[in-house]
Amino acid sequence: MGRQKFSRSLKRSICIEYMQSGKSRKEIAMKYNLPNVGTLSGWIQSSLSPLEIHEKCASLQPVTVQKDTDMAKERAA
């Protein structure tokens, strides 16, 4: 089975969910079947601005990430 592909917008949504939820990186990595927590850390650095990270995304609107079929559609796009 090959690696999953996540669109840039989906990566950003997952990062925002992590920053706003208070869940651990491990919990988010497991929820989205990421290979390791380092993947999420890399996405945070590449998908969010330093100001967003500094403010822990408090100024961003909460996001809901669709799983399963919606994620498959995002990856295919």
C-alpha atoms as a PDB file:
ATOM      1  CA  MET A   1       0.000   0.000   0.000  1.00  0.00           C
ATOM      2  CA  GLY A   2       1.477   3.378  -1.052  1.00  0.00           C
ATOM      3  CA  ARG A   3       1.721   6.557   0.914  1.00  0.00           C
ATOM      4  CA  GLN A   4      -1.371   8.654   1.305  1.00  0.00           C
ATOM      5  CA  LYS A   5      -1.430  11.972  -0.527  1.00  0.00           C
ATOM      6  CA  PHE A   6      -2.970  14.962   1.211  1.00  0.00           C
ATOM      7  CA  SER A   7      -3.803  18.205  -0.572  1.00  0.00           C
ATOM      8  CA  ARG A   8      -2.279  21.429   0.738  1.00  0.00           C
ATOM      9  CA  SER A   9      -5.684  22.619   1.999  1.00  0.00           C
ATOM     10  CA  LEU A  10      -6.296  19.338   3.824  1.00  0.00           C
ATOM     11  CA  LYS A  11      -2.839  19.484   5.436  1.00  0.00           C
ATOM     12  CA  ARG A  12      -3.595  23.037   6.591  1.00  0.00           C
ATOM     13  CA  SER A  13      -6.992  21.988   7.990  1.00  0.00           C
ATOM     14  CA  ILE A  14      -5.422  19.115   9.925  1.00  0.00           C
ATOM     15  CA  CYS A  15      -2.753  21.468  11.315  1.00  0.00           C
ATOM     16  CA  ILE A  16      -5.392  23.979  12.406  1.00  0.00           C
ATOM     17  CA  GLU A  17      -7.405  21.203  14.021  1.00  0.00           C
ATOM     18  CA  TYR A  18      -4.301  20.149  15.962  1.00  0.00           C
ATOM     19  CA  MET A  19      -3.501  23.702  17.068  1.00  0.00           C
ATOM     20  CA  GLN A  20      -7.074  24.451  18.167  1.00  0.00           C
ATOM     21  CA  SER A  21      -8.061  21.101  19.656  1.00  0.00           C
ATOM     22  CA  GLY A  22      -5.510  20.730  22.412  1.00  0.00           C
ATOM     23  CA  LYS A  23      -4.962  17.127  21.291  1.00  0.00           C
ATOM     24  CA  SER A  24      -1.456  15.734  21.120  1.00  0.00           C
ATOM     25  CA  ARG A  25       0.405  15.363  17.839  1.00  0.00           C
ATOM     26  CA  LYS A  26       0.258  11.614  18.373  1.00  0.00           C
ATOM     27  CA  GLU A  27      -3.559  11.690  18.674  1.00  0.00           C
ATOM     28  CA  ILE A  28      -3.902  13.707  15.467  1.00  0.00           C
ATOM     29  CA  ALA A  29      -1.349  11.525  13.650  1.00  0.00           C
ATOM     30  CA  MET A  30      -3.288   8.413  14.640  1.00  0.00           C
ATOM     31  CA  LYS A  31      -6.657   9.982  13.710  1.00  0.00           C
ATOM     32  CA  TYR A  32      -5.468  10.701  10.158  1.00  0.00           C
ATOM     33  CA  ASN A  33      -3.235   7.632   9.824  1.00  0.00           C
ATOM     34  CA  LEU A  34      -0.064   9.695   9.402  1.00  0.00           C
ATOM     35  CA  PRO A  35       3.232   7.766   9.349  1.00  0.00           C
ATOM     36  CA  ASN A  36       4.539   9.606  12.442  1.00  0.00           C
ATOM     37  CA  VAL A  37       4.245  12.814  14.454  1.00  0.00           C
ATOM     38  CA  GLY A  38       7.124  14.310  12.472  1.00  0.00           C
ATOM     39  CA  THR A  39       4.851  14.456   9.439  1.00  0.00           C
ATOM     40  CA  LEU A  40       2.428  16.704  11.316  1.00  0.00           C
ATOM     41  CA  SER A  41       5.285  18.857  12.622  1.00  0.00           C
ATOM     42  CA  GLY A  42       6.553  19.375   9.075  1.00  0.00           C
ATOM     43  CA  TRP A  43       3.096  20.270   7.847  1.00  0.00           C
ATOM     44  CA  ILE A  44       2.709  22.872  10.597  1.00  0.00           C
ATOM     45  CA  GLN A  45       5.940  24.564   9.519  1.00  0.00           C
ATOM     46  CA  SER A  46       5.052  24.484   5.817  1.00  0.00           C
ATOM     47  CA  SER A  47       1.288  25.148   6.000  1.00  0.00           C
ATOM     48  CA  LEU A  48       0.930  27.807   8.694  1.00  0.00           C
ATOM     49  CA  SER A  49       2.523  31.229   8.975  1.00  0.00           C
ATOM     50  CA  PRO A  50       4.832  31.966  11.905  1.00  0.00           C
ATOM     51  CA  LEU A  51       2.217  34.369  13.288  1.00  0.00           C
ATOM     52  CA  GLU A  52      -0.498  31.690  13.141  1.00  0.00           C
ATOM     53  CA  ILE A  53       1.797  29.264  14.926  1.00  0.00           C
ATOM     54  CA  HIS A  54       2.753  31.875  17.521  1.00  0.00           C
ATOM     55  CA  GLU A  55      -0.884  32.664  18.206  1.00  0.00           C
ATOM     56  CA  LYS A  56      -1.697  28.936  18.138  1.00  0.00           C
ATOM     57  CA  CYS A  57      -4.253  29.643  15.414  1.00  0.00           C
ATOM     58  CA  ALA A  58      -6.530  31.383  17.912  1.00  0.00           C
ATOM     59  CA  SER A  59      -7.526  33.929  15.282  1.00  0.00           C
ATOM     60  CA  LEU A  60      -8.486  31.295  12.718  1.00  0.00           C
ATOM     61  CA  GLN A  61     -11.993  29.985  12.375  1.00  0.00           C
ATOM     62  CA  PRO A  62     -12.422  26.426  13.680  1.00  0.00           C
ATOM     63  CA  VAL A  63     -12.363  23.848  10.937  1.00  0.00           C
ATOM     64  CA  THR A  64     -13.994  20.505  10.530  1.00  0.00           C
ATOM     65  CA  VAL A  65     -12.131  17.927   8.542  1.00  0.00           C
ATOM     66  CA  GLN A  66     -14.117  15.358   6.635  1.00  0.00           C
ATOM     67  CA  LYS A  67     -12.822  11.821   6.739  1.00  0.00           C
ATOM     68  CA  ASP A  68     -13.216   8.771   4.575  1.00  0.00           C
ATOM     69  CA  THR A  69     -14.875   9.566   1.232  1.00  0.00           C
ATOM     70  CA  ASP A  70     -14.369  13.333   1.447  1.00  0.00           C
ATOM     71  CA  MET A  71     -10.670  12.845   2.227  1.00  0.00           C
ATOM     72  CA  ALA A  72     -10.365  10.513  -0.738  1.00  0.00           C
ATOM     73  CA  LYS A  73     -11.914  13.187  -2.974  1.00  0.00           C
ATOM     74  CA  GLU A  74      -9.469  15.826  -1.608  1.00  0.00           C
ATOM     75  CA  ARG A  75      -6.483  13.567  -2.243  1.00  0.00           C
ATOM     76  CA  ALA A  76      -7.657  12.827  -5.785  1.00  0.00           C
ATOM     77  CA  ALA A  77      -7.999  16.536  -6.605  1.00  0.00           C
END
